[in-house]
Amino acid sequence: MESVNIKRIYAPHSKEDGFRILVDRLWPRGVKKETARVDLWLKEVAPTTTLRTWFGHDPDKWASFSRKYLDELKAEKAAVENLLECIKANRVVTLLYGAKDEEHNQALVLQRFVKTLLKA
C-alpha cells in the first residue's frame, strides 16, 4: 500500500519522508534548492496562480477553494497521472508545501484526491 504524506517544506527532512515532491507553483521563500531535498517539483498539480491569489489562505474561502482546486486537478490529467506514477514507484511519498496554515492548504486537498484515486 502506498503512503502519501504532507509536510511543510520548512520542516526538517526525515528518512521517513521517502520521495519528496514540492506541490507549490512558486518556489518557497528562504528555501535553498541545494538544501531542500526535493526529489521532484511538480508545479502542474499546484493551484493556478489565479486560484491561489483569490484564495489567499483565507479560511472562510476554504470550501470554495477546495472545490475549485479539485476541478483544476481533474483537468490536469497528465500531471496527476505523473504524480500517481511517482507514488506507485516510490511507495512512500511526501507532498511538500510552503503555506504557513497547516489546516488550509492545497497539499491537504491534493493528498485526499490522490488517496481516492489510489483506492479506485
PDB file of N, CA and C in Angstrom:
ATOM      1  N   MET A   1       0.842  -1.192   0.000  1.00  0.00           N
ATOM      2  CA  MET A   1       0.000   0.000   0.000  1.00  0.00           C
ATOM      3  C   MET A   1       0.881   1.248   0.000  1.00  0.00           C
ATOM      4  N   GLU A   2       0.516   2.195  -0.836  1.00  0.00           N
ATOM      5  CA  GLU A   2       1.271   3.441  -0.938  1.00  0.00           C
ATOM      6  C   GLU A   2       0.952   4.355   0.243  1.00  0.00           C
ATOM      7  N   SER A   3       1.923   5.141   0.638  1.00  0.00           N
ATOM      8  CA  SER A   3       1.748   6.109   1.704  1.00  0.00           C
ATOM      9  C   SER A   3       1.982   7.501   1.127  1.00  0.00           C
ATOM     10  N   VAL A   4       0.988   8.372   1.283  1.00  0.00           N
ATOM     11  CA  VAL A   4       1.092   9.746   0.797  1.00  0.00           C
ATOM     12  C   VAL A   4       0.956  10.677   1.998  1.00  0.00           C
ATOM     13  N   ASN A   5       2.049  11.329   2.343  1.00  0.00           N
ATOM     14  CA  ASN A   5       2.086  12.229   3.488  1.00  0.00           C
ATOM     15  C   ASN A   5       2.199  13.662   3.003  1.00  0.00           C
ATOM     16  N   ILE A   6       1.963  14.597   3.898  1.00  0.00           N
ATOM     17  CA  ILE A   6       2.188  16.010   3.577  1.00  0.00           C
ATOM     18  C   ILE A   6       3.054  16.614   4.675  1.00  0.00           C
ATOM     19  N   LYS A   7       3.795  17.662   4.274  1.00  0.00           N
ATOM     20  CA  LYS A   7       4.724  18.286   5.216  1.00  0.00           C
ATOM     21  C   LYS A   7       5.106  19.667   4.705  1.00  0.00           C
ATOM     22  N   ARG A   8       5.259  20.608   5.616  1.00  0.00           N
ATOM     23  CA  ARG A   8       5.788  21.919   5.225  1.00  0.00           C
ATOM     24  C   ARG A   8       7.232  21.750   4.804  1.00  0.00           C
ATOM     25  N   ILE A   9       7.609  22.413   3.738  1.00  0.00           N
ATOM     26  CA  ILE A   9       8.979  22.303   3.244  1.00  0.00           C
ATOM     27  C   ILE A   9       9.972  22.867   4.256  1.00  0.00           C
ATOM     28  N   TYR A  10       9.509  23.715   5.163  1.00  0.00           N
ATOM     29  CA  TYR A  10      10.382  24.319   6.170  1.00  0.00           C
ATOM     30  C   TYR A  10      10.687  23.363   7.330  1.00  0.00           C
ATOM     31  N   ALA A  11       9.934  22.272   7.440  1.00  0.00           N
ATOM     32  CA  ALA A  11      10.182  21.271   8.486  1.00  0.00           C
ATOM     33  C   ALA A  11      11.436  20.475   8.111  1.00  0.00           C
ATOM     34  N   PRO A  12      12.149  19.974   9.097  1.00  0.00           N
ATOM     35  CA  PRO A  12      13.367  19.208   8.802  1.00  0.00           C
ATOM     36  C   PRO A  12      13.089  17.961   7.955  1.00  0.00           C
ATOM     37  N   HIS A  13      14.028  17.662   7.084  1.00  0.00           N
ATOM     38  CA  HIS A  13      13.959  16.456   6.258  1.00  0.00           C
ATOM     39  C   HIS A  13      14.063  15.233   7.153  1.00  0.00           C
ATOM     40  N   SER A  14      13.389  14.161   6.757  1.00  0.00           N
ATOM     41  CA  SER A  14      13.434  12.922   7.528  1.00  0.00           C
ATOM     42  C   SER A  14      13.517  11.736   6.569  1.00  0.00           C
ATOM     43  N   LYS A  15      14.161  10.657   7.001  1.00  0.00           N
ATOM     44  CA  LYS A  15      14.223   9.445   6.165  1.00  0.00           C
ATOM     45  C   LYS A  15      12.825   8.927   5.878  1.00  0.00           C
ATOM     46  N   GLU A  16      11.893   9.107   6.822  1.00  0.00           N
ATOM     47  CA  GLU A  16      10.524   8.621   6.665  1.00  0.00           C
ATOM     48  C   GLU A  16       9.754   9.373   5.575  1.00  0.00           C
ATOM     49  N   ASP A  17      10.292  10.491   5.100  1.00  0.00           N
ATOM     50  CA  ASP A  17       9.624  11.266   4.044  1.00  0.00           C
ATOM     51  C   ASP A  17       9.543  10.486   2.738  1.00  0.00           C
ATOM     52  N   GLY A  18      10.476   9.607   2.504  1.00  0.00           N
ATOM     53  CA  GLY A  18      10.513   8.900   1.227  1.00  0.00           C
ATOM     54  C   GLY A  18      10.816   9.864   0.092  1.00  0.00           C
ATOM     55  N   PHE A  19      10.098   9.730  -1.015  1.00  0.00           N
ATOM     56  CA  PHE A  19      10.265  10.575  -2.197  1.00  0.00           C
ATOM     57  C   PHE A  19       9.548  11.892  -1.929  1.00  0.00           C
ATOM     58  N   ARG A  20      10.274  12.999  -2.020  1.00  0.00           N
ATOM     59  CA  ARG A  20       9.727  14.310  -1.662  1.00  0.00           C
ATOM     60  C   ARG A  20       9.353  15.100  -2.917  1.00  0.00           C
ATOM     61  N   ILE A  21       8.072  15.500  -2.983  1.00  0.00           N
ATOM     62  CA  ILE A  21       7.562  16.229  -4.144  1.00  0.00           C
ATOM     63  C   ILE A  21       7.026  17.590  -3.694  1.00  0.00           C
ATOM     64  N   LEU A  22       7.595  18.654  -4.241  1.00  0.00           N
ATOM     65  CA  LEU A  22       7.091  20.001  -3.967  1.00  0.00           C
ATOM     66  C   LEU A  22       5.865  20.234  -4.843  1.00  0.00           C
ATOM     67  N   VAL A  23       4.745  20.619  -4.208  1.00  0.00           N
ATOM     68  CA  VAL A  23       3.490  20.795  -4.942  1.00  0.00           C
ATOM     69  C   VAL A  23       3.017  22.254  -4.905  1.00  0.00           C
ATOM     70  N   ASP A  24       3.970  23.169  -4.887  1.00  0.00           N
ATOM     71  CA  ASP A  24       3.687  24.607  -4.980  1.00  0.00           C
ATOM     72  C   ASP A  24       4.056  25.092  -6.378  1.00  0.00           C
ATOM     73  N   ARG A  25       3.334  26.084  -6.867  1.00  0.00           N
ATOM     74  CA  ARG A  25       3.653  26.655  -8.173  1.00  0.00           C
ATOM     75  C   ARG A  25       4.898  27.543  -8.090  1.00  0.00           C
ATOM     76  N   LEU A  26       5.099  28.184  -6.938  1.00  0.00           N
ATOM     77  CA  LEU A  26       6.260  29.047  -6.728  1.00  0.00           C
ATOM     78  C   LEU A  26       7.215  28.382  -5.744  1.00  0.00           C
ATOM     79  N   TRP A  27       8.512  28.593  -5.946  1.00  0.00           N
ATOM     80  CA  TRP A  27       9.495  28.051  -5.014  1.00  0.00           C
ATOM     81  C   TRP A  27       9.339  28.787  -3.678  1.00  0.00           C
ATOM     82  N   PRO A  28       9.291  28.079  -2.562  1.00  0.00           N
ATOM     83  CA  PRO A  28       9.090  28.713  -1.249  1.00  0.00           C
ATOM     84  C   PRO A  28      10.216  29.674  -0.878  1.00  0.00           C
ATOM     85  N   ARG A  29       9.830  30.795  -0.318  1.00  0.00           N
ATOM     86  CA  ARG A  29      10.793  31.817   0.094  1.00  0.00           C
ATOM     87  C   ARG A  29      11.750  31.292   1.142  1.00  0.00           C
ATOM     88  N   GLY A  30      13.002  31.664   0.995  1.00  0.00           N
ATOM     89  CA  GLY A  30      14.002  31.348   2.001  1.00  0.00           C
ATOM     90  C   GLY A  30      14.510  29.914   1.986  1.00  0.00           C
ATOM     91  N   VAL A  31      14.062  29.124   1.032  1.00  0.00           N
ATOM     92  CA  VAL A  31      14.497  27.724   0.950  1.00  0.00           C
ATOM     93  C   VAL A  31      15.484  27.594  -0.207  1.00  0.00           C
ATOM     94  N   LYS A  32      16.684  27.133   0.091  1.00  0.00           N
ATOM     95  CA  LYS A  32      17.689  26.956  -0.957  1.00  0.00           C
ATOM     96  C   LYS A  32      17.450  25.636  -1.673  1.00  0.00           C
ATOM     97  N   LYS A  33      17.490  25.683  -2.986  1.00  0.00           N
ATOM     98  CA  LYS A  33      17.267  24.469  -3.776  1.00  0.00           C
ATOM     99  C   LYS A  33      18.275  23.378  -3.434  1.00  0.00           C
ATOM    100  N   GLU A  34      19.487  23.771  -3.097  1.00  0.00           N
ATOM    101  CA  GLU A  34      20.533  22.802  -2.793  1.00  0.00           C
ATOM    102  C   GLU A  34      20.266  22.038  -1.498  1.00  0.00           C
ATOM    103  N   THR A  35      19.569  22.660  -0.563  1.00  0.00           N
ATOM    104  CA  THR A  35      19.350  22.031   0.746  1.00  0.00           C
ATOM    105  C   THR A  35      17.912  21.555   0.963  1.00  0.00           C
ATOM    106  N   ALA A  36      17.033  21.789   0.030  1.00  0.00           N
ATOM    107  CA  ALA A  36      15.613  21.465   0.208  1.00  0.00           C
ATOM    108  C   ALA A  36      15.308  19.972   0.143  1.00  0.00           C
ATOM    109  N   ARG A  37      16.188  19.220  -0.484  1.00  0.00           N
ATOM    110  CA  ARG A  37      15.981  17.778  -0.649  1.00  0.00           C
ATOM    111  C   ARG A  37      14.642  17.473  -1.307  1.00  0.00           C
ATOM    112  N   VAL A  38      14.374  18.185  -2.387  1.00  0.00           N
ATOM    113  CA  VAL A  38      13.179  17.953  -3.189  1.00  0.00           C
ATOM    114  C   VAL A  38      13.560  17.016  -4.327  1.00  0.00           C
ATOM    115  N   ASP A  39      12.873  15.892  -4.421  1.00  0.00           N
ATOM    116  CA  ASP A  39      13.159  14.932  -5.490  1.00  0.00           C
ATOM    117  C   ASP A  39      12.477  15.322  -6.797  1.00  0.00           C
ATOM    118  N   LEU A  40      11.333  16.001  -6.685  1.00  0.00           N
ATOM    119  CA  LEU A  40      10.584  16.418  -7.869  1.00  0.00           C
ATOM    120  C   LEU A  40       9.780  17.658  -7.522  1.00  0.00           C
ATOM    121  N   TRP A  41       9.807  18.637  -8.430  1.00  0.00           N
ATOM    122  CA  TRP A  41       8.981  19.835  -8.272  1.00  0.00           C
ATOM    123  C   TRP A  41       7.883  19.717  -9.312  1.00  0.00           C
ATOM    124  N   LEU A  42       6.674  19.415  -8.865  1.00  0.00           N
ATOM    125  CA  LEU A  42       5.558  19.174  -9.772  1.00  0.00           C
ATOM    126  C   LEU A  42       4.599  20.370  -9.719  1.00  0.00           C
ATOM    127  N   LYS A  43       4.997  21.457 -10.374  1.00  0.00           N
ATOM    128  CA  LYS A  43       4.211  22.694 -10.385  1.00  0.00           C
ATOM    129  C   LYS A  43       2.820  22.491 -10.968  1.00  0.00           C
ATOM    130  N   GLU A  44       2.724  21.558 -11.925  1.00  0.00           N
ATOM    131  CA  GLU A  44       1.476  21.374 -12.663  1.00  0.00           C
ATOM    132  C   GLU A  44       0.312  20.898 -11.796  1.00  0.00           C
ATOM    133  N   VAL A  45       0.589  20.319 -10.619  1.00  0.00           N
ATOM    134  CA  VAL A  45      -0.511  19.893  -9.750  1.00  0.00           C
ATOM    135  C   VAL A  45      -0.855  20.951  -8.705  1.00  0.00           C
ATOM    136  N   ALA A  46      -0.139  22.063  -8.723  1.00  0.00           N
ATOM    137  CA  ALA A  46      -0.433  23.159  -7.801  1.00  0.00           C
ATOM    138  C   ALA A  46      -1.619  23.960  -8.333  1.00  0.00           C
ATOM    139  N   PRO A  47      -2.313  24.667  -7.450  1.00  0.00           N
ATOM    140  CA  PRO A  47      -3.400  25.534  -7.926  1.00  0.00           C
ATOM    141  C   PRO A  47      -2.858  26.588  -8.886  1.00  0.00           C
ATOM    142  N   THR A  48      -3.695  27.002  -9.827  1.00  0.00           N
ATOM    143  CA  THR A  48      -3.279  28.054 -10.745  1.00  0.00           C
ATOM    144  C   THR A  48      -3.003  29.337  -9.953  1.00  0.00           C
ATOM    145  N   THR A  49      -2.243  30.219 -10.552  1.00  0.00           N
ATOM    146  CA  THR A  49      -1.947  31.494  -9.909  1.00  0.00           C
ATOM    147  C   THR A  49      -3.232  32.243  -9.595  1.00  0.00           C
ATOM    148  N   THR A  50      -4.188  32.203 -10.505  1.00  0.00           N
ATOM    149  CA  THR A  50      -5.473  32.887 -10.299  1.00  0.00           C
ATOM    150  C   THR A  50      -6.183  32.353  -9.064  1.00  0.00           C
ATOM    151  N   LEU A  51      -6.260  31.028  -8.950  1.00  0.00           N
ATOM    152  CA  LEU A  51      -6.950  30.422  -7.806  1.00  0.00           C
ATOM    153  C   LEU A  51      -6.181  30.679  -6.508  1.00  0.00           C
ATOM    154  N   ARG A  52      -4.873  30.523  -6.547  1.00  0.00           N
ATOM    155  CA  ARG A  52      -4.041  30.738  -5.361  1.00  0.00           C
ATOM    156  C   ARG A  52      -4.187  32.172  -4.856  1.00  0.00           C
ATOM    157  N   THR A  53      -4.145  33.131  -5.776  1.00  0.00           N
ATOM    158  CA  THR A  53      -4.257  34.538  -5.415  1.00  0.00           C
ATOM    159  C   THR A  53      -5.640  34.841  -4.839  1.00  0.00           C
ATOM    160  N   TRP A  54      -6.676  34.298  -5.468  1.00  0.00           N
ATOM    161  CA  TRP A  54      -8.041  34.502  -4.982  1.00  0.00           C
ATOM    162  C   TRP A  54      -8.201  33.953  -3.566  1.00  0.00           C
ATOM    163  N   PHE A  55      -7.686  32.750  -3.332  1.00  0.00           N
ATOM    164  CA  PHE A  55      -7.817  32.097  -2.021  1.00  0.00           C
ATOM    165  C   PHE A  55      -7.078  32.877  -0.939  1.00  0.00           C
ATOM    166  N   GLY A  56      -5.833  33.221  -1.187  1.00  0.00           N
ATOM    167  CA  GLY A  56      -5.054  33.991  -0.227  1.00  0.00           C
ATOM    168  C   GLY A  56      -4.987  33.366   1.159  1.00  0.00           C
ATOM    169  N   HIS A  57      -5.171  32.073   1.258  1.00  0.00           N
ATOM    170  CA  HIS A  57      -5.159  31.325   2.521  1.00  0.00           C
ATOM    171  C   HIS A  57      -6.175  31.863   3.520  1.00  0.00           C
ATOM    172  N   ASP A  58      -7.336  32.299   2.996  1.00  0.00           N
ATOM    173  CA  ASP A  58      -8.432  32.777   3.827  1.00  0.00           C
ATOM    174  C   ASP A  58      -9.297  31.573   4.218  1.00  0.00           C
ATOM    175  N   PRO A  59      -9.317  31.197   5.499  1.00  0.00           N
ATOM    176  CA  PRO A  59     -10.100  30.032   5.920  1.00  0.00           C
ATOM    177  C   PRO A  59     -11.576  30.109   5.526  1.00  0.00           C
ATOM    178  N   ASP A  60     -12.124  31.328   5.405  1.00  0.00           N
ATOM    179  CA  ASP A  60     -13.523  31.470   5.005  1.00  0.00           C
ATOM    180  C   ASP A  60     -13.767  31.020   3.566  1.00  0.00           C
ATOM    181  N   LYS A  61     -12.713  30.995   2.763  1.00  0.00           N
ATOM    182  CA  LYS A  61     -12.828  30.580   1.362  1.00  0.00           C
ATOM    183  C   LYS A  61     -12.423  29.116   1.164  1.00  0.00           C
ATOM    184  N   TRP A  62     -12.112  28.410   2.243  1.00  0.00           N
ATOM    185  CA  TRP A  62     -11.556  27.058   2.160  1.00  0.00           C
ATOM    186  C   TRP A  62     -12.435  26.090   1.374  1.00  0.00           C
ATOM    187  N   ALA A  63     -13.720  26.034   1.679  1.00  0.00           N
ATOM    188  CA  ALA A  63     -14.610  25.080   0.993  1.00  0.00           C
ATOM    189  C   ALA A  63     -14.671  25.370  -0.506  1.00  0.00           C
ATOM    190  N   SER A  64     -14.802  26.635  -0.860  1.00  0.00           N
ATOM    191  CA  SER A  64     -14.843  27.007  -2.282  1.00  0.00           C
ATOM    192  C   SER A  64     -13.506  26.734  -2.955  1.00  0.00           C
ATOM    193  N   PHE A  65     -12.425  27.074  -2.272  1.00  0.00           N
ATOM    194  CA  PHE A  65     -11.100  26.806  -2.819  1.00  0.00           C
ATOM    195  C   PHE A  65     -10.921  25.315  -3.098  1.00  0.00           C
ATOM    196  N   SER A  66     -11.300  24.491  -2.138  1.00  0.00           N
ATOM    197  CA  SER A  66     -11.141  23.035  -2.291  1.00  0.00           C
ATOM    198  C   SER A  66     -11.886  22.531  -3.524  1.00  0.00           C
ATOM    199  N   ARG A  67     -13.125  22.973  -3.701  1.00  0.00           N
ATOM    200  CA  ARG A  67     -13.926  22.548  -4.873  1.00  0.00           C
ATOM    201  C   ARG A  67     -13.286  23.014  -6.182  1.00  0.00           C
ATOM    202  N   LYS A  68     -12.867  24.278  -6.215  1.00  0.00           N
ATOM    203  CA  LYS A  68     -12.263  24.831  -7.431  1.00  0.00           C
ATOM    204  C   LYS A  68     -10.929  24.139  -7.748  1.00  0.00           C
ATOM    205  N   TYR A  69     -10.156  23.854  -6.721  1.00  0.00           N
ATOM    206  CA  TYR A  69      -8.867  23.190  -6.917  1.00  0.00           C
ATOM    207  C   TYR A  69      -9.083  21.760  -7.419  1.00  0.00           C
ATOM    208  N   LEU A  70     -10.064  21.063  -6.888  1.00  0.00           N
ATOM    209  CA  LEU A  70     -10.372  19.714  -7.383  1.00  0.00           C
ATOM    210  C   LEU A  70     -10.759  19.757  -8.858  1.00  0.00           C
ATOM    211  N   ASP A  71     -11.513  20.765  -9.253  1.00  0.00           N
ATOM    212  CA  ASP A  71     -11.862  20.926 -10.674  1.00  0.00           C
ATOM    213  C   ASP A  71     -10.599  21.111 -11.515  1.00  0.00           C
ATOM    214  N   GLU A  72      -9.658  21.915 -11.012  1.00  0.00           N
ATOM    215  CA  GLU A  72      -8.396  22.110 -11.733  1.00  0.00           C
ATOM    216  C   GLU A  72      -7.622  20.799 -11.837  1.00  0.00           C
ATOM    217  N   LEU A  73      -7.579  20.045 -10.756  1.00  0.00           N
ATOM    218  CA  LEU A  73      -6.843  18.776 -10.766  1.00  0.00           C
ATOM    219  C   LEU A  73      -7.444  17.798 -11.780  1.00  0.00           C
ATOM    220  N   LYS A  74      -8.748  17.762 -11.844  1.00  0.00           N
ATOM    221  CA  LYS A  74      -9.417  16.850 -12.784  1.00  0.00           C
ATOM    222  C   LYS A  74      -9.101  17.222 -14.230  1.00  0.00           C
ATOM    223  N   ALA A  75      -8.793  18.490 -14.468  1.00  0.00           N
ATOM    224  CA  ALA A  75      -8.446  18.953 -15.818  1.00  0.00           C
ATOM    225  C   ALA A  75      -6.965  18.719 -16.143  1.00  0.00           C
ATOM    226  N   GLU A  76      -6.154  18.512 -15.124  1.00  0.00           N
ATOM    227  CA  GLU A  76      -4.707  18.303 -15.301  1.00  0.00           C
ATOM    228  C   GLU A  76      -4.378  16.809 -15.289  1.00  0.00           C
ATOM    229  N   LYS A  77      -4.986  16.072 -16.187  1.00  0.00           N
ATOM    230  CA  LYS A  77      -4.856  14.608 -16.197  1.00  0.00           C
ATOM    231  C   LYS A  77      -3.405  14.129 -16.291  1.00  0.00           C
ATOM    232  N   ALA A  78      -2.615  14.714 -17.161  1.00  0.00           N
ATOM    233  CA  ALA A  78      -1.231  14.271 -17.354  1.00  0.00           C
ATOM    234  C   ALA A  78      -0.402  14.494 -16.088  1.00  0.00           C
ATOM    235  N   ALA A  79      -0.549  15.651 -15.462  1.00  0.00           N
ATOM    236  CA  ALA A  79       0.211  15.951 -14.244  1.00  0.00           C
ATOM    237  C   ALA A  79      -0.205  15.032 -13.098  1.00  0.00           C
ATOM    238  N   VAL A  80      -1.502  14.784 -12.972  1.00  0.00           N
ATOM    239  CA  VAL A  80      -1.988  13.891 -11.917  1.00  0.00           C
ATOM    240  C   VAL A  80      -1.490  12.474 -12.171  1.00  0.00           C
ATOM    241  N   GLU A  81      -1.505  12.053 -13.418  1.00  0.00           N
ATOM    242  CA  GLU A  81      -1.001  10.715 -13.756  1.00  0.00           C
ATOM    243  C   GLU A  81       0.487  10.606 -13.429  1.00  0.00           C
ATOM    244  N   ASN A  82       1.238  11.646 -13.706  1.00  0.00           N
ATOM    245  CA  ASN A  82       2.660  11.680 -13.362  1.00  0.00           C
ATOM    246  C   ASN A  82       2.843  11.533 -11.848  1.00  0.00           C
ATOM    247  N   LEU A  83       2.039  12.244 -11.078  1.00  0.00           N
ATOM    248  CA  LEU A  83       2.096  12.155  -9.621  1.00  0.00           C
ATOM    249  C   LEU A  83       1.767  10.736  -9.150  1.00  0.00           C
ATOM    250  N   LEU A  84       0.726  10.141  -9.708  1.00  0.00           N
ATOM    251  CA  LEU A  84       0.338   8.779  -9.323  1.00  0.00           C
ATOM    252  C   LEU A  84       1.440   7.774  -9.641  1.00  0.00           C
ATOM    253  N   GLU A  85       2.094   7.949 -10.776  1.00  0.00           N
ATOM    254  CA  GLU A  85       3.194   7.056 -11.146  1.00  0.00           C
ATOM    255  C   GLU A  85       4.351   7.172 -10.150  1.00  0.00           C
ATOM    256  N   CYS A  86       4.646   8.398  -9.729  1.00  0.00           N
ATOM    257  CA  CYS A  86       5.706   8.614  -8.731  1.00  0.00           C
ATOM    258  C   CYS A  86       5.344   7.937  -7.409  1.00  0.00           C
ATOM    259  N   ILE A  87       4.094   8.042  -7.022  1.00  0.00           N
ATOM    260  CA  ILE A  87       3.654   7.433  -5.771  1.00  0.00           C
ATOM    261  C   ILE A  87       3.766   5.914  -5.854  1.00  0.00           C
ATOM    262  N   LYS A  88       3.299   5.347  -6.944  1.00  0.00           N
ATOM    263  CA  LYS A  88       3.348   3.890  -7.106  1.00  0.00           C
ATOM    264  C   LYS A  88       4.786   3.386  -7.182  1.00  0.00           C
ATOM    265  N   ALA A  89       5.673   4.159  -7.781  1.00  0.00           N
ATOM    266  CA  ALA A  89       7.069   3.747  -7.935  1.00  0.00           C
ATOM    267  C   ALA A  89       7.859   3.869  -6.628  1.00  0.00           C
ATOM    268  N   ASN A  90       7.436   4.763  -5.752  1.00  0.00           N
ATOM    269  CA  ASN A  90       8.221   5.032  -4.549  1.00  0.00           C
ATOM    270  C   ASN A  90       7.587   4.553  -3.250  1.00  0.00           C
ATOM    271  N   ARG A  91       6.348   4.162  -3.288  1.00  0.00           N
ATOM    272  CA  ARG A  91       5.632   3.615  -2.125  1.00  0.00           C
ATOM    273  C   ARG A  91       5.407   4.638  -1.001  1.00  0.00           C
ATOM    274  N   VAL A  92       6.427   5.399  -0.628  1.00  0.00           N
ATOM    275  CA  VAL A  92       6.259   6.442   0.385  1.00  0.00           C
ATOM    276  C   VAL A  92       6.619   7.772  -0.268  1.00  0.00           C
ATOM    277  N   VAL A  93       5.648   8.673  -0.274  1.00  0.00           N
ATOM    278  CA  VAL A  93       5.828   9.984  -0.892  1.00  0.00           C
ATOM    279  C   VAL A  93       5.364  11.047   0.096  1.00  0.00           C
ATOM    280  N   THR A  94       6.101  12.144   0.155  1.00  0.00           N
ATOM    281  CA  THR A  94       5.690  13.286   0.963  1.00  0.00           C
ATOM    282  C   THR A  94       5.490  14.475   0.037  1.00  0.00           C
ATOM    283  N   LEU A  95       4.279  15.028   0.088  1.00  0.00           N
ATOM    284  CA  LEU A  95       3.949  16.214  -0.680  1.00  0.00           C
ATOM    285  C   LEU A  95       4.354  17.424   0.151  1.00  0.00           C
ATOM    286  N   LEU A  96       5.237  18.233  -0.390  1.00  0.00           N
ATOM    287  CA  LEU A  96       5.764  19.391   0.312  1.00  0.00           C
ATOM    288  C   LEU A  96       5.051  20.664  -0.123  1.00  0.00           C
ATOM    289  N   TYR A  97       4.785  21.531   0.834  1.00  0.00           N
ATOM    290  CA  TYR A  97       4.127  22.807   0.547  1.00  0.00           C
ATOM    291  C   TYR A  97       4.750  23.882   1.423  1.00  0.00           C
ATOM    292  N   GLY A  98       4.577  25.137   1.029  1.00  0.00           N
ATOM    293  CA  GLY A  98       5.194  26.231   1.758  1.00  0.00           C
ATOM    294  C   GLY A  98       4.265  27.012   2.665  1.00  0.00           C
ATOM    295  N   ALA A  99       2.970  26.840   2.539  1.00  0.00           N
ATOM    296  CA  ALA A  99       1.997  27.635   3.298  1.00  0.00           C
ATOM    297  C   ALA A  99       2.191  27.496   4.801  1.00  0.00           C
ATOM    298  N   LYS A 100       1.955  28.597   5.514  1.00  0.00           N
ATOM    299  CA  LYS A 100       2.055  28.575   6.973  1.00  0.00           C
ATOM    300  C   LYS A 100       0.875  27.837   7.597  1.00  0.00           C
ATOM    301  N   ASP A 101      -0.292  27.955   6.977  1.00  0.00           N
ATOM    302  CA  ASP A 101      -1.518  27.356   7.505  1.00  0.00           C
ATOM    303  C   ASP A 101      -1.529  25.858   7.210  1.00  0.00           C
ATOM    304  N   GLU A 102      -1.400  25.059   8.248  1.00  0.00           N
ATOM    305  CA  GLU A 102      -1.326  23.615   8.076  1.00  0.00           C
ATOM    306  C   GLU A 102      -2.695  22.962   7.943  1.00  0.00           C
ATOM    307  N   GLU A 103      -3.763  23.742   8.129  1.00  0.00           N
ATOM    308  CA  GLU A 103      -5.120  23.197   8.039  1.00  0.00           C
ATOM    309  C   GLU A 103      -5.854  23.633   6.777  1.00  0.00           C
ATOM    310  N   HIS A 104      -5.316  24.617   6.075  1.00  0.00           N
ATOM    311  CA  HIS A 104      -5.963  25.155   4.872  1.00  0.00           C
ATOM    312  C   HIS A 104      -4.916  25.374   3.788  1.00  0.00           C
ATOM    313  N   ASN A 105      -4.506  24.295   3.121  1.00  0.00           N
ATOM    314  CA  ASN A 105      -3.527  24.429   2.049  1.00  0.00           C
ATOM    315  C   ASN A 105      -3.794  23.381   0.979  1.00  0.00           C
ATOM    316  N   GLN A 106      -3.237  23.609  -0.203  1.00  0.00           N
ATOM    317  CA  GLN A 106      -3.507  22.748  -1.339  1.00  0.00           C
ATOM    318  C   GLN A 106      -3.017  21.317  -1.145  1.00  0.00           C
ATOM    319  N   ALA A 107      -1.973  21.125  -0.351  1.00  0.00           N
ATOM    320  CA  ALA A 107      -1.441  19.770  -0.151  1.00  0.00           C
ATOM    321  C   ALA A 107      -2.481  18.860   0.509  1.00  0.00           C
ATOM    322  N   LEU A 108      -3.296  19.407   1.399  1.00  0.00           N
ATOM    323  CA  LEU A 108      -4.355  18.616   2.034  1.00  0.00           C
ATOM    324  C   LEU A 108      -5.370  18.138   0.999  1.00  0.00           C
ATOM    325  N   VAL A 109      -5.788  19.044   0.129  1.00  0.00           N
ATOM    326  CA  VAL A 109      -6.757  18.703  -0.917  1.00  0.00           C
ATOM    327  C   VAL A 109      -6.144  17.678  -1.864  1.00  0.00           C
ATOM    328  N   LEU A 110      -4.914  17.925  -2.264  1.00  0.00           N
ATOM    329  CA  LEU A 110      -4.218  17.020  -3.193  1.00  0.00           C
ATOM    330  C   LEU A 110      -4.034  15.633  -2.573  1.00  0.00           C
ATOM    331  N   GLN A 111      -3.666  15.589  -1.309  1.00  0.00           N
ATOM    332  CA  GLN A 111      -3.477  14.308  -0.621  1.00  0.00           C
ATOM    333  C   GLN A 111      -4.778  13.494  -0.631  1.00  0.00           C
ATOM    334  N   ARG A 112      -5.900  14.121  -0.276  1.00  0.00           N
ATOM    335  CA  ARG A 112      -7.198  13.423  -0.274  1.00  0.00           C
ATOM    336  C   ARG A 112      -7.565  12.947  -1.674  1.00  0.00           C
ATOM    337  N   PHE A 113      -7.358  13.806  -2.655  1.00  0.00           N
ATOM    338  CA  PHE A 113      -7.682  13.493  -4.047  1.00  0.00           C
ATOM    339  C   PHE A 113      -6.884  12.282  -4.526  1.00  0.00           C
ATOM    340  N   VAL A 114      -5.592  12.289  -4.262  1.00  0.00           N
ATOM    341  CA  VAL A 114      -4.712  11.200  -4.701  1.00  0.00           C
ATOM    342  C   VAL A 114      -5.058   9.896  -3.995  1.00  0.00           C
ATOM    343  N   LYS A 115      -5.330   9.966  -2.705  1.00  0.00           N
ATOM    344  CA  LYS A 115      -5.699   8.750  -1.959  1.00  0.00           C
ATOM    345  C   LYS A 115      -6.980   8.148  -2.516  1.00  0.00           C
ATOM    346  N   THR A 116      -7.921   8.988  -2.919  1.00  0.00           N
ATOM    347  CA  THR A 116      -9.165   8.490  -3.523  1.00  0.00           C
ATOM    348  C   THR A 116      -8.858   7.779  -4.838  1.00  0.00           C
ATOM    349  N   LEU A 117      -7.986   8.366  -5.645  1.00  0.00           N
ATOM    350  CA  LEU A 117      -7.639   7.750  -6.927  1.00  0.00           C
ATOM    351  C   LEU A 117      -6.884   6.426  -6.740  1.00  0.00           C
ATOM    352  N   LEU A 118      -6.058   6.344  -5.728  1.00  0.00           N
ATOM    353  CA  LEU A 118      -5.289   5.127  -5.473  1.00  0.00           C
ATOM    354  C   LEU A 118      -6.187   3.979  -5.023  1.00  0.00           C
ATOM    355  N   LYS A 119      -7.285   4.308  -4.347  1.00  0.00           N
ATOM    356  CA  LYS A 119      -8.238   3.276  -3.887  1.00  0.00           C
ATOM    357  C   LYS A 119      -9.108   2.771  -5.023  1.00  0.00           C
ATOM    358  N   ALA A 120      -9.299   3.593  -6.053  1.00  0.00           N
ATOM    359  CA  ALA A 120     -10.215   3.252  -7.154  1.00  0.00           C
ATOM    360  C   ALA A 120      -9.667   2.128  -8.013  1.00  0.00           C
TER     361      ALA A 120
END
